[in-house]
Amino acid sequence: MSLELIVIAAVSENGVIGKDNCLPWNIPQDLARFKQLTSNHPIIMGKNTYESIGRALPHRLNIVLSKTRSDFAGAHAYTSLGDAINDLSNNSPPAAGIDYSQVFVIGGQKIYQEALLLADRLEITHVYQTIEGEKIARFPRIGEEWQCITQDEHEGFAFATYVKKHA
């Protein structure tokens, strides 16, 4: 089965996705969109993202990538993104009510860097703020290979969908 790999993130004007292991903003519409898009699908995240959320997210198959830890309550652990994608493309690990045709990568910084090379689509919330600080995580630059196909403007942010340009 072929799956669509989707990277989903909220990103500030200067590329920040997190500060001090937290989202540096509170945008209820972004959280609602995240829930609507990712519910009933597998989600892949790094260990730090899992720990910052503090639990597995309900109504999703939670996959956590970690080379140092394998016990995540309510989630399946993998050591590599490739292994996780390979299993998910074969509807594994099995989970009732999960649609494996779309898999969402939800962070953080290291996982996004790797996933951007493999992704089919980006769902980005552009947050019109500049975030400064010591402990910040950044989203990789969205390169020329990506084309924005929709952008829905709101006050202080916009929802954008990107797809890979065909050569």
N, C-alpha and C. Protein backbone atom coordinates (compact mmCIF):
# COMPACT_ATOMS: atom_id res chain seq x y z
N MET A 1 0.85 -1.18 0.00
CA MET A 1 0.00 0.00 0.00
C MET A 1 0.89 1.24 0.00
N SER A 2 0.52 2.23 -0.80
CA SER A 2 1.31 3.46 -0.77
C SER A 2 0.66 4.44 0.20
N LEU A 3 1.50 5.14 0.91
CA LEU A 3 0.97 6.10 1.87
C LEU A 3 1.46 7.48 1.51
N GLU A 4 0.70 8.48 1.93
CA GLU A 4 1.10 9.87 1.74
C GLU A 4 1.73 10.34 3.04
N LEU A 5 2.97 10.80 2.96
CA LEU A 5 3.67 11.30 4.14
C LEU A 5 3.50 12.81 4.19
N ILE A 6 2.91 13.29 5.28
CA ILE A 6 2.56 14.70 5.43
C ILE A 6 3.28 15.26 6.64
N VAL A 7 3.98 16.35 6.44
CA VAL A 7 4.62 17.07 7.54
C VAL A 7 3.66 18.17 7.96
N ILE A 8 3.36 18.24 9.26
CA ILE A 8 2.47 19.27 9.78
C ILE A 8 3.19 20.04 10.87
N ALA A 9 3.16 21.38 10.77
CA ALA A 9 3.89 22.20 11.74
C ALA A 9 3.31 23.61 11.77
N ALA A 10 3.50 24.27 12.89
CA ALA A 10 3.26 25.71 13.01
C ALA A 10 4.64 26.36 13.12
N VAL A 11 4.88 27.37 12.29
CA VAL A 11 6.23 27.94 12.14
C VAL A 11 6.16 29.46 12.19
N SER A 12 7.02 30.06 13.02
CA SER A 12 7.06 31.53 13.10
C SER A 12 7.76 32.11 11.88
N GLU A 13 7.71 33.44 11.76
CA GLU A 13 8.34 34.11 10.62
C GLU A 13 9.84 33.84 10.55
N ASN A 14 10.48 33.62 11.70
CA ASN A 14 11.92 33.33 11.70
C ASN A 14 12.21 31.83 11.88
N GLY A 15 11.22 30.99 11.54
CA GLY A 15 11.45 29.55 11.47
C GLY A 15 11.35 28.79 12.77
N VAL A 16 10.89 29.43 13.83
CA VAL A 16 10.82 28.76 15.13
C VAL A 16 9.56 27.91 15.22
N ILE A 17 9.72 26.68 15.76
CA ILE A 17 8.59 25.78 15.99
C ILE A 17 8.37 25.52 17.47
N GLY A 18 9.36 25.82 18.30
CA GLY A 18 9.23 25.58 19.73
C GLY A 18 10.24 26.38 20.51
N LYS A 19 9.85 26.68 21.75
CA LYS A 19 10.75 27.39 22.65
C LYS A 19 10.61 26.75 24.02
N ASP A 20 11.75 26.37 24.61
CA ASP A 20 11.74 25.72 25.93
C ASP A 20 10.81 24.50 25.96
N ASN A 21 10.84 23.70 24.86
CA ASN A 21 10.03 22.49 24.71
C ASN A 21 8.53 22.75 24.76
N CYS A 22 8.10 23.94 24.35
CA CYS A 22 6.67 24.29 24.31
C CYS A 22 6.39 25.05 23.01
N LEU A 23 5.10 25.08 22.64
CA LEU A 23 4.71 25.97 21.56
C LEU A 23 4.76 27.39 22.09
N PRO A 24 5.39 28.31 21.38
CA PRO A 24 5.51 29.67 21.90
C PRO A 24 4.29 30.56 21.60
N TRP A 25 3.19 29.97 21.24
CA TRP A 25 1.96 30.72 20.96
C TRP A 25 0.77 29.85 21.33
N ASN A 26 -0.40 30.47 21.38
CA ASN A 26 -1.64 29.75 21.64
C ASN A 26 -2.63 30.16 20.56
N ILE A 27 -2.81 29.27 19.58
CA ILE A 27 -3.71 29.54 18.46
C ILE A 27 -4.73 28.40 18.42
N PRO A 28 -5.91 28.59 19.04
CA PRO A 28 -6.90 27.51 19.09
C PRO A 28 -7.28 26.97 17.71
N GLN A 29 -7.35 27.83 16.70
CA GLN A 29 -7.71 27.36 15.35
C GLN A 29 -6.65 26.41 14.80
N ASP A 30 -5.39 26.66 15.13
CA ASP A 30 -4.30 25.78 14.69
C ASP A 30 -4.43 24.42 15.36
N LEU A 31 -4.70 24.41 16.66
CA LEU A 31 -4.86 23.14 17.37
C LEU A 31 -6.06 22.37 16.83
N ALA A 32 -7.15 23.08 16.51
CA ALA A 32 -8.34 22.42 15.95
C ALA A 32 -8.04 21.83 14.58
N ARG A 33 -7.29 22.56 13.76
CA ARG A 33 -6.92 22.06 12.43
C ARG A 33 -6.01 20.84 12.56
N PHE A 34 -5.05 20.91 13.47
CA PHE A 34 -4.16 19.78 13.72
C PHE A 34 -4.97 18.54 14.09
N LYS A 35 -5.92 18.71 15.00
CA LYS A 35 -6.75 17.58 15.44
C LYS A 35 -7.58 17.04 14.28
N GLN A 36 -8.18 17.93 13.52
CA GLN A 36 -9.04 17.51 12.41
C GLN A 36 -8.24 16.75 11.35
N LEU A 37 -7.04 17.23 11.03
CA LEU A 37 -6.23 16.58 10.00
C LEU A 37 -5.63 15.26 10.47
N THR A 38 -5.18 15.19 11.72
CA THR A 38 -4.41 14.02 12.17
C THR A 38 -5.24 12.92 12.82
N SER A 39 -6.46 13.23 13.26
CA SER A 39 -7.27 12.21 13.94
C SER A 39 -7.49 11.00 13.03
N ASN A 40 -7.41 9.83 13.62
CA ASN A 40 -7.60 8.54 12.95
C ASN A 40 -6.50 8.21 11.94
N HIS A 41 -5.34 8.83 12.11
CA HIS A 41 -4.18 8.55 11.27
C HIS A 41 -2.97 8.28 12.16
N PRO A 42 -1.97 7.61 11.62
CA PRO A 42 -0.70 7.50 12.36
C PRO A 42 -0.02 8.86 12.44
N ILE A 43 0.61 9.13 13.57
CA ILE A 43 1.44 10.33 13.72
C ILE A 43 2.82 9.88 14.18
N ILE A 44 3.84 10.52 13.64
CA ILE A 44 5.23 10.20 13.98
C ILE A 44 5.85 11.43 14.62
N MET A 45 6.51 11.21 15.76
CA MET A 45 7.16 12.32 16.46
C MET A 45 8.45 11.84 17.08
N GLY A 46 9.30 12.78 17.42
CA GLY A 46 10.51 12.47 18.14
C GLY A 46 10.25 12.39 19.64
N LYS A 47 11.23 11.90 20.36
CA LYS A 47 11.12 11.73 21.81
C LYS A 47 10.83 13.04 22.51
N ASN A 48 11.52 14.11 22.13
CA ASN A 48 11.30 15.40 22.79
C ASN A 48 9.89 15.92 22.57
N THR A 49 9.35 15.72 21.37
CA THR A 49 7.98 16.15 21.10
C THR A 49 7.01 15.36 21.96
N TYR A 50 7.20 14.04 22.04
CA TYR A 50 6.35 13.21 22.89
C TYR A 50 6.41 13.70 24.34
N GLU A 51 7.62 13.95 24.82
CA GLU A 51 7.78 14.38 26.21
C GLU A 51 7.18 15.77 26.45
N SER A 52 7.23 16.65 25.45
CA SER A 52 6.65 17.98 25.62
C SER A 52 5.12 17.92 25.65
N ILE A 53 4.54 16.98 24.89
CA ILE A 53 3.09 16.79 24.92
C ILE A 53 2.70 16.11 26.23
N GLY A 54 3.54 15.18 26.68
CA GLY A 54 3.33 14.53 27.96
C GLY A 54 2.49 13.26 27.93
N ARG A 55 2.01 12.89 26.74
CA ARG A 55 1.17 11.70 26.62
C ARG A 55 0.98 11.38 25.14
N ALA A 56 0.46 10.19 24.88
CA ALA A 56 0.07 9.86 23.51
C ALA A 56 -1.20 10.64 23.17
N LEU A 57 -1.33 11.05 21.92
CA LEU A 57 -2.52 11.78 21.51
C LEU A 57 -3.64 10.81 21.18
N PRO A 58 -4.85 11.05 21.68
CA PRO A 58 -5.95 10.12 21.46
C PRO A 58 -6.41 10.10 20.00
N HIS A 59 -7.05 9.00 19.61
CA HIS A 59 -7.65 8.81 18.29
C HIS A 59 -6.61 8.85 17.17
N ARG A 60 -5.39 8.44 17.50
CA ARG A 60 -4.31 8.36 16.52
C ARG A 60 -3.42 7.19 16.90
N LEU A 61 -2.70 6.66 15.93
CA LEU A 61 -1.65 5.69 16.20
C LEU A 61 -0.37 6.48 16.41
N ASN A 62 0.13 6.49 17.64
CA ASN A 62 1.30 7.29 18.00
C ASN A 62 2.58 6.49 17.81
N ILE A 63 3.51 7.06 17.03
CA ILE A 63 4.83 6.48 16.81
C ILE A 63 5.86 7.47 17.34
N VAL A 64 6.77 6.99 18.17
CA VAL A 64 7.83 7.85 18.71
C VAL A 64 9.18 7.32 18.24
N LEU A 65 9.99 8.21 17.69
CA LEU A 65 11.33 7.85 17.23
C LEU A 65 12.34 8.18 18.32
N SER A 66 13.11 7.17 18.70
CA SER A 66 14.15 7.37 19.72
C SER A 66 15.19 6.29 19.59
N LYS A 67 16.44 6.67 19.69
CA LYS A 67 17.52 5.69 19.69
C LYS A 67 17.88 5.27 21.11
N THR A 68 17.36 5.96 22.11
CA THR A 68 17.78 5.71 23.50
C THR A 68 16.67 5.20 24.40
N ARG A 69 15.44 5.23 23.93
CA ARG A 69 14.33 4.86 24.80
C ARG A 69 13.29 4.08 24.00
N SER A 70 12.66 3.10 24.62
CA SER A 70 11.67 2.30 23.89
C SER A 70 10.34 2.17 24.63
N ASP A 71 10.20 2.84 25.76
CA ASP A 71 8.96 2.73 26.53
C ASP A 71 8.23 4.07 26.56
N PHE A 72 7.22 4.18 25.73
CA PHE A 72 6.41 5.40 25.65
C PHE A 72 4.95 4.99 25.84
N ALA A 73 4.34 5.43 26.91
CA ALA A 73 2.96 5.05 27.22
C ALA A 73 2.04 5.42 26.06
N GLY A 74 1.30 4.43 25.56
CA GLY A 74 0.33 4.66 24.51
C GLY A 74 0.92 4.85 23.13
N ALA A 75 2.21 4.57 22.97
CA ALA A 75 2.87 4.79 21.68
C ALA A 75 3.79 3.63 21.36
N HIS A 76 4.08 3.48 20.08
CA HIS A 76 5.02 2.48 19.59
C HIS A 76 6.35 3.17 19.32
N ALA A 77 7.44 2.54 19.73
CA ALA A 77 8.77 3.13 19.57
C ALA A 77 9.48 2.53 18.35
N TYR A 78 10.16 3.38 17.61
CA TYR A 78 11.00 2.98 16.49
C TYR A 78 12.32 3.72 16.61
N THR A 79 13.37 3.13 16.05
CA THR A 79 14.67 3.80 16.09
C THR A 79 14.93 4.63 14.84
N SER A 80 14.13 4.43 13.78
CA SER A 80 14.35 5.21 12.56
C SER A 80 13.03 5.54 11.87
N LEU A 81 13.03 6.67 11.19
CA LEU A 81 11.86 7.09 10.42
C LEU A 81 11.58 6.08 9.31
N GLY A 82 12.63 5.60 8.65
CA GLY A 82 12.45 4.63 7.57
C GLY A 82 11.77 3.36 8.02
N ASP A 83 12.17 2.82 9.17
CA ASP A 83 11.53 1.61 9.70
C ASP A 83 10.06 1.85 10.01
N ALA A 84 9.76 3.00 10.60
CA ALA A 84 8.37 3.32 10.94
C ALA A 84 7.52 3.43 9.67
N ILE A 85 8.02 4.13 8.66
CA ILE A 85 7.27 4.29 7.41
C ILE A 85 7.08 2.95 6.73
N ASN A 86 8.12 2.11 6.74
CA ASN A 86 8.01 0.78 6.13
C ASN A 86 6.90 -0.03 6.78
N ASP A 87 6.87 -0.07 8.11
CA ASP A 87 5.81 -0.81 8.81
C ASP A 87 4.43 -0.20 8.53
N LEU A 88 4.34 1.12 8.59
CA LEU A 88 3.05 1.78 8.38
C LEU A 88 2.52 1.53 6.97
N SER A 89 3.41 1.41 5.99
CA SER A 89 2.97 1.14 4.62
C SER A 89 2.38 -0.26 4.49
N ASN A 90 2.62 -1.10 5.50
CA ASN A 90 2.04 -2.45 5.55
C ASN A 90 0.97 -2.56 6.63
N ASN A 91 0.37 -1.41 6.99
CA ASN A 91 -0.69 -1.36 8.01
C ASN A 91 -0.25 -1.96 9.33
N SER A 92 0.97 -1.71 9.71
CA SER A 92 1.50 -2.23 10.97
C SER A 92 2.16 -1.07 11.70
N PRO A 93 2.13 -1.03 13.02
CA PRO A 93 1.40 -1.94 13.90
C PRO A 93 -0.11 -1.76 13.76
N PRO A 94 -0.86 -2.87 13.87
CA PRO A 94 -2.31 -2.80 13.65
C PRO A 94 -3.00 -1.98 14.74
N ALA A 95 -3.97 -1.20 14.31
CA ALA A 95 -4.76 -0.40 15.25
C ALA A 95 -6.15 -0.19 14.66
N ALA A 96 -7.17 -0.45 15.46
CA ALA A 96 -8.55 -0.31 15.00
C ALA A 96 -8.86 1.15 14.67
N GLY A 97 -9.57 1.35 13.56
CA GLY A 97 -10.05 2.68 13.21
C GLY A 97 -9.00 3.62 12.65
N ILE A 98 -7.81 3.11 12.35
CA ILE A 98 -6.74 3.96 11.84
C ILE A 98 -6.67 3.86 10.32
N ASP A 99 -6.62 5.02 9.67
CA ASP A 99 -6.46 5.12 8.22
C ASP A 99 -4.97 5.30 7.92
N TYR A 100 -4.37 4.28 7.36
CA TYR A 100 -2.92 4.28 7.11
C TYR A 100 -2.55 4.99 5.80
N SER A 101 -3.52 5.48 5.04
CA SER A 101 -3.20 6.09 3.75
C SER A 101 -2.48 7.44 3.90
N GLN A 102 -2.65 8.09 5.05
CA GLN A 102 -1.96 9.34 5.33
C GLN A 102 -1.26 9.22 6.67
N VAL A 103 0.02 9.55 6.68
CA VAL A 103 0.83 9.51 7.91
C VAL A 103 1.37 10.91 8.13
N PHE A 104 1.20 11.41 9.36
CA PHE A 104 1.60 12.78 9.69
C PHE A 104 2.85 12.78 10.55
N VAL A 105 3.82 13.59 10.17
CA VAL A 105 5.02 13.83 10.98
C VAL A 105 4.77 15.13 11.74
N ILE A 106 4.82 15.05 13.10
CA ILE A 106 4.41 16.20 13.91
C ILE A 106 5.56 16.86 14.67
N GLY A 107 6.80 16.46 14.41
CA GLY A 107 7.94 17.14 15.05
C GLY A 107 8.83 16.19 15.80
N GLY A 108 9.90 16.69 16.29
CA GLY A 108 10.36 18.06 16.28
C GLY A 108 11.42 18.31 15.23
N GLN A 109 12.34 19.16 15.58
CA GLN A 109 13.31 19.72 14.64
C GLN A 109 14.06 18.64 13.86
N LYS A 110 14.65 17.67 14.53
CA LYS A 110 15.44 16.63 13.84
C LYS A 110 14.57 15.77 12.94
N ILE A 111 13.39 15.42 13.42
CA ILE A 111 12.48 14.57 12.65
C ILE A 111 12.00 15.33 11.40
N TYR A 112 11.69 16.62 11.56
CA TYR A 112 11.28 17.42 10.40
C TYR A 112 12.37 17.46 9.34
N GLN A 113 13.63 17.63 9.75
CA GLN A 113 14.73 17.69 8.78
C GLN A 113 14.78 16.43 7.93
N GLU A 114 14.62 15.29 8.56
CA GLU A 114 14.65 14.02 7.84
C GLU A 114 13.39 13.82 7.01
N ALA A 115 12.24 14.14 7.59
CA ALA A 115 10.96 13.88 6.93
C ALA A 115 10.74 14.77 5.71
N LEU A 116 11.30 15.98 5.74
CA LEU A 116 11.10 16.90 4.62
C LEU A 116 11.64 16.31 3.31
N LEU A 117 12.66 15.48 3.41
CA LEU A 117 13.23 14.84 2.22
C LEU A 117 12.29 13.78 1.64
N LEU A 118 11.44 13.20 2.48
CA LEU A 118 10.58 12.10 2.08
C LEU A 118 9.12 12.50 1.89
N ALA A 119 8.74 13.67 2.39
CA ALA A 119 7.33 14.06 2.46
C ALA A 119 6.73 14.29 1.08
N ASP A 120 5.42 14.05 1.02
CA ASP A 120 4.63 14.32 -0.18
C ASP A 120 3.92 15.67 -0.09
N ARG A 121 3.63 16.08 1.16
CA ARG A 121 2.84 17.30 1.37
C ARG A 121 3.26 17.95 2.68
N LEU A 122 3.13 19.27 2.74
CA LEU A 122 3.37 20.02 3.97
C LEU A 122 2.08 20.74 4.34
N GLU A 123 1.69 20.66 5.59
CA GLU A 123 0.57 21.44 6.13
C GLU A 123 1.19 22.38 7.16
N ILE A 124 1.34 23.63 6.79
CA ILE A 124 2.08 24.59 7.61
C ILE A 124 1.13 25.69 8.09
N THR A 125 1.20 25.98 9.37
CA THR A 125 0.58 27.19 9.90
C THR A 125 1.69 28.22 10.01
N HIS A 126 1.60 29.26 9.18
CA HIS A 126 2.57 30.35 9.24
C HIS A 126 2.11 31.31 10.33
N VAL A 127 2.90 31.42 11.39
CA VAL A 127 2.56 32.28 12.52
C VAL A 127 3.30 33.59 12.34
N TYR A 128 2.54 34.69 12.27
CA TYR A 128 3.14 36.00 12.00
C TYR A 128 3.69 36.62 13.28
N GLN A 129 4.72 35.95 13.81
CA GLN A 129 5.44 36.41 14.99
C GLN A 129 6.92 36.08 14.79
N THR A 130 7.77 36.80 15.48
CA THR A 130 9.20 36.48 15.54
C THR A 130 9.48 36.03 16.97
N ILE A 131 10.09 34.86 17.11
CA ILE A 131 10.35 34.28 18.43
C ILE A 131 11.86 34.28 18.67
N GLU A 132 12.27 34.80 19.80
CA GLU A 132 13.68 34.81 20.18
C GLU A 132 13.85 34.00 21.46
N GLY A 133 15.06 33.57 21.73
CA GLY A 133 15.32 32.86 22.97
C GLY A 133 16.50 31.93 22.86
N GLU A 134 16.83 31.34 24.00
CA GLU A 134 17.97 30.42 24.08
C GLU A 134 17.63 29.05 23.51
N LYS A 135 16.62 28.40 24.10
CA LYS A 135 16.29 27.02 23.73
C LYS A 135 15.14 27.03 22.72
N ILE A 136 15.50 27.24 21.45
CA ILE A 136 14.47 27.25 20.42
C ILE A 136 14.73 26.14 19.41
N ALA A 137 13.64 25.61 18.87
CA ALA A 137 13.72 24.59 17.82
C ALA A 137 13.23 25.25 16.53
N ARG A 138 13.86 24.89 15.44
CA ARG A 138 13.54 25.52 14.16
C ARG A 138 13.06 24.50 13.13
N PHE A 139 12.24 24.99 12.21
CA PHE A 139 11.78 24.20 11.08
C PHE A 139 12.76 24.42 9.93
N PRO A 140 13.05 23.37 9.16
CA PRO A 140 13.96 23.56 8.01
C PRO A 140 13.35 24.54 7.00
N ARG A 141 14.21 25.18 6.25
CA ARG A 141 13.73 26.08 5.20
C ARG A 141 12.92 25.28 4.17
N ILE A 142 11.78 25.83 3.77
CA ILE A 142 10.97 25.19 2.74
C ILE A 142 11.58 25.58 1.40
N GLY A 143 12.14 24.60 0.71
CA GLY A 143 12.93 24.84 -0.50
C GLY A 143 12.10 25.06 -1.75
N GLU A 144 12.81 25.29 -2.84
CA GLU A 144 12.20 25.57 -4.14
C GLU A 144 11.41 24.38 -4.69
N GLU A 145 11.67 23.19 -4.15
CA GLU A 145 10.96 22.01 -4.66
C GLU A 145 9.51 21.95 -4.20
N TRP A 146 9.13 22.87 -3.30
CA TRP A 146 7.77 22.91 -2.76
C TRP A 146 6.97 24.05 -3.39
N GLN A 147 5.70 23.75 -3.69
CA GLN A 147 4.80 24.76 -4.25
C GLN A 147 3.62 24.92 -3.31
N CYS A 148 3.32 26.16 -2.94
CA CYS A 148 2.15 26.44 -2.10
C CYS A 148 0.92 26.38 -2.99
N ILE A 149 -0.03 25.48 -2.67
CA ILE A 149 -1.24 25.35 -3.50
C ILE A 149 -2.46 26.01 -2.86
N THR A 150 -2.44 26.20 -1.54
CA THR A 150 -3.52 26.94 -0.87
C THR A 150 -2.93 27.71 0.29
N GLN A 151 -3.49 28.89 0.53
CA GLN A 151 -3.12 29.67 1.71
C GLN A 151 -4.37 30.37 2.21
N ASP A 152 -4.75 30.03 3.44
CA ASP A 152 -5.97 30.55 4.07
C ASP A 152 -5.55 31.53 5.16
N GLU A 153 -5.72 32.83 4.89
CA GLU A 153 -5.25 33.88 5.81
C GLU A 153 -6.21 34.10 6.98
N HIS A 154 -5.63 34.30 8.14
CA HIS A 154 -6.36 34.65 9.36
C HIS A 154 -5.59 35.78 10.03
N GLU A 155 -6.17 36.37 11.07
CA GLU A 155 -5.46 37.42 11.78
C GLU A 155 -4.32 36.82 12.59
N GLY A 156 -3.09 37.16 12.21
CA GLY A 156 -1.92 36.70 12.94
C GLY A 156 -1.32 35.39 12.46
N PHE A 157 -1.97 34.72 11.53
CA PHE A 157 -1.46 33.44 11.03
C PHE A 157 -2.15 33.08 9.72
N ALA A 158 -1.61 32.06 9.04
CA ALA A 158 -2.22 31.53 7.81
C ALA A 158 -1.99 30.04 7.75
N PHE A 159 -2.96 29.31 7.24
CA PHE A 159 -2.81 27.88 6.97
C PHE A 159 -2.38 27.74 5.51
N ALA A 160 -1.31 26.99 5.27
CA ALA A 160 -0.82 26.80 3.90
C ALA A 160 -0.57 25.32 3.64
N THR A 161 -0.87 24.90 2.42
CA THR A 161 -0.59 23.54 1.98
C THR A 161 0.41 23.61 0.83
N TYR A 162 1.46 22.80 0.96
CA TYR A 162 2.50 22.73 -0.06
C TYR A 162 2.56 21.31 -0.61
N VAL A 163 2.84 21.20 -1.90
CA VAL A 163 3.10 19.90 -2.53
C VAL A 163 4.43 20.00 -3.27
N LYS A 164 5.04 18.85 -3.49
CA LYS A 164 6.30 18.83 -4.24
C LYS A 164 6.02 19.13 -5.71
N LYS A 165 6.87 19.98 -6.27
CA LYS A 165 6.78 20.28 -7.70
C LYS A 165 7.25 19.05 -8.47
N HIS A 166 6.60 18.79 -9.59
CA HIS A 166 7.03 17.66 -10.43
C HIS A 166 8.06 18.16 -11.43
N ALA A 167 9.12 17.40 -11.56
CA ALA A 167 10.21 17.81 -12.46
C ALA A 167 9.80 17.66 -13.91
